[in-house]
Amino acid sequence: MEKSVNAIMPGLCARVVVAEGDQVSKGQEVAVINCMKTEIQVNSEYDGVVTKVISKEWDEMQVGDPMVMLEVEE
């Protein structure tokens, strides 16, 4: 099943720290959002494998925007 890791606050995508094919664990940092000169970690809510990186550096993000897609097992 595919799940997305979403932006938790509005701002700019400072960086994505995972790549397609990477294994991620629940709670692992997958991206960073820059909001008002503060960097906020975006952590995975799931264990899984990155299938697609949607966000790129300097993309404008809104709350709930998908940043990374994961293949997770149920």
C-alpha atoms as a PDB file:
ATOM      1  CA  MET A   1       0.000   0.000   0.000  1.00  0.00           C
ATOM      2  CA  GLU A   2       1.282   3.455  -0.861  1.00  0.00           C
ATOM      3  CA  LYS A   3       1.265   6.204   1.787  1.00  0.00           C
ATOM      4  CA  SER A   4       2.502   9.781   1.658  1.00  0.00           C
ATOM      5  CA  VAL A   5       4.601  11.756   4.110  1.00  0.00           C
ATOM      6  CA  ASN A   6       3.047  15.221   4.162  1.00  0.00           C
ATOM      7  CA  ALA A   7       4.178  18.719   5.040  1.00  0.00           C
ATOM      8  CA  ILE A   8       3.350  19.525   8.657  1.00  0.00           C
ATOM      9  CA  MET A   9       3.438  23.298   8.243  1.00  0.00           C
ATOM     10  CA  PRO A  10       3.600  25.884   5.449  1.00  0.00           C
ATOM     11  CA  GLY A  11       6.988  27.020   4.191  1.00  0.00           C
ATOM     12  CA  LEU A  12       9.705  26.153   1.699  1.00  0.00           C
ATOM     13  CA  CYS A  13      11.176  22.698   1.261  1.00  0.00           C
ATOM     14  CA  ALA A  14      14.742  23.208   2.478  1.00  0.00           C
ATOM     15  CA  ARG A  15      15.833  19.683   1.550  1.00  0.00           C
ATOM     16  CA  VAL A  16      14.718  16.083   1.151  1.00  0.00           C
ATOM     17  CA  VAL A  17      17.093  13.724   2.946  1.00  0.00           C
ATOM     18  CA  VAL A  18      15.915  10.434   1.388  1.00  0.00           C
ATOM     19  CA  ALA A  19      16.066   9.092  -2.152  1.00  0.00           C
ATOM     20  CA  GLU A  20      13.920   6.669  -4.132  1.00  0.00           C
ATOM     21  CA  GLY A  21      14.613   3.116  -2.991  1.00  0.00           C
ATOM     22  CA  ASP A  22      15.684   4.114   0.537  1.00  0.00           C
ATOM     23  CA  GLN A  23      14.287   2.129   3.478  1.00  0.00           C
ATOM     24  CA  VAL A  24      12.812   4.430   6.138  1.00  0.00           C
ATOM     25  CA  SER A  25      11.640   3.742   9.672  1.00  0.00           C
ATOM     26  CA  LYS A  26       8.768   5.286  11.569  1.00  0.00           C
ATOM     27  CA  GLY A  27      10.010   8.550  13.102  1.00  0.00           C
ATOM     28  CA  GLN A  28      12.925   8.938  10.671  1.00  0.00           C
ATOM     29  CA  GLU A  29      13.526  12.381   9.158  1.00  0.00           C
ATOM     30  CA  VAL A  30      12.680  12.427   5.446  1.00  0.00           C
ATOM     31  CA  ALA A  31      12.608  16.168   4.699  1.00  0.00           C
ATOM     32  CA  VAL A  32      13.075  19.623   6.200  1.00  0.00           C
ATOM     33  CA  ILE A  33      10.773  22.625   5.821  1.00  0.00           C
ATOM     34  CA  ASN A  34      12.039  26.188   6.278  1.00  0.00           C
ATOM     35  CA  CYS A  35       9.380  28.347   7.914  1.00  0.00           C
ATOM     36  CA  MET A  36      10.222  31.904   8.987  1.00  0.00           C
ATOM     37  CA  LYS A  37      13.974  31.106   9.083  1.00  0.00           C
ATOM     38  CA  THR A  38      13.350  28.040  11.261  1.00  0.00           C
ATOM     39  CA  GLU A  39      14.034  24.518  10.014  1.00  0.00           C
ATOM     40  CA  ILE A  40      11.336  21.983  10.890  1.00  0.00           C
ATOM     41  CA  GLN A  41      11.920  18.239  10.494  1.00  0.00           C
ATOM     42  CA  VAL A  42       9.326  16.188   8.647  1.00  0.00           C
ATOM     43  CA  ASN A  43       9.383  12.613   9.964  1.00  0.00           C
ATOM     44  CA  SER A  44       7.858   9.476   8.490  1.00  0.00           C
ATOM     45  CA  GLU A  45       4.774   8.084  10.187  1.00  0.00           C
ATOM     46  CA  TYR A  46       5.444   4.674   8.630  1.00  0.00           C
ATOM     47  CA  ASP A  47       8.078   1.995   8.040  1.00  0.00           C
ATOM     48  CA  GLY A  48       8.528   1.549   4.307  1.00  0.00           C
ATOM     49  CA  VAL A  49      10.488   2.079   1.108  1.00  0.00           C
ATOM     50  CA  VAL A  50      10.593   5.440  -0.704  1.00  0.00           C
ATOM     51  CA  THR A  51       8.869   5.026  -4.081  1.00  0.00           C
ATOM     52  CA  LYS A  52       8.791   8.679  -5.144  1.00  0.00           C
ATOM     53  CA  VAL A  53      10.269  11.974  -3.977  1.00  0.00           C
ATOM     54  CA  ILE A  54       7.691  14.640  -4.818  1.00  0.00           C
ATOM     55  CA  SER A  55       9.191  17.770  -3.253  1.00  0.00           C
ATOM     56  CA  LYS A  56      12.301  19.518  -4.455  1.00  0.00           C
ATOM     57  CA  GLU A  57      14.433  22.150  -2.779  1.00  0.00           C
ATOM     58  CA  TRP A  58      12.644  25.540  -2.619  1.00  0.00           C
ATOM     59  CA  ASP A  59       9.196  24.117  -3.446  1.00  0.00           C
ATOM     60  CA  GLU A  60       6.513  26.050  -1.585  1.00  0.00           C
ATOM     61  CA  MET A  61       4.635  23.744   0.777  1.00  0.00           C
ATOM     62  CA  GLN A  62       1.237  23.995   2.444  1.00  0.00           C
ATOM     63  CA  VAL A  63       0.041  21.857   5.357  1.00  0.00           C
ATOM     64  CA  GLY A  64      -0.827  18.403   4.050  1.00  0.00           C
ATOM     65  CA  ASP A  65       1.066  18.631   0.750  1.00  0.00           C
ATOM     66  CA  PRO A  66       2.658  15.249  -0.035  1.00  0.00           C
ATOM     67  CA  MET A  67       6.470  15.376   0.030  1.00  0.00           C
ATOM     68  CA  VAL A  68       7.514  11.713  -0.249  1.00  0.00           C
ATOM     69  CA  MET A  69       5.626   8.542  -1.208  1.00  0.00           C
ATOM     70  CA  LEU A  70       6.320   5.271   0.617  1.00  0.00           C
ATOM     71  CA  GLU A  71       5.421   1.655  -0.072  1.00  0.00           C
ATOM     72  CA  VAL A  72       4.334   0.237   3.289  1.00  0.00           C
ATOM     73  CA  GLU A  73       3.230  -3.224   4.349  1.00  0.00           C
ATOM     74  CA  GLU A  74      -0.025  -3.637   6.213  1.00  0.00           C
END
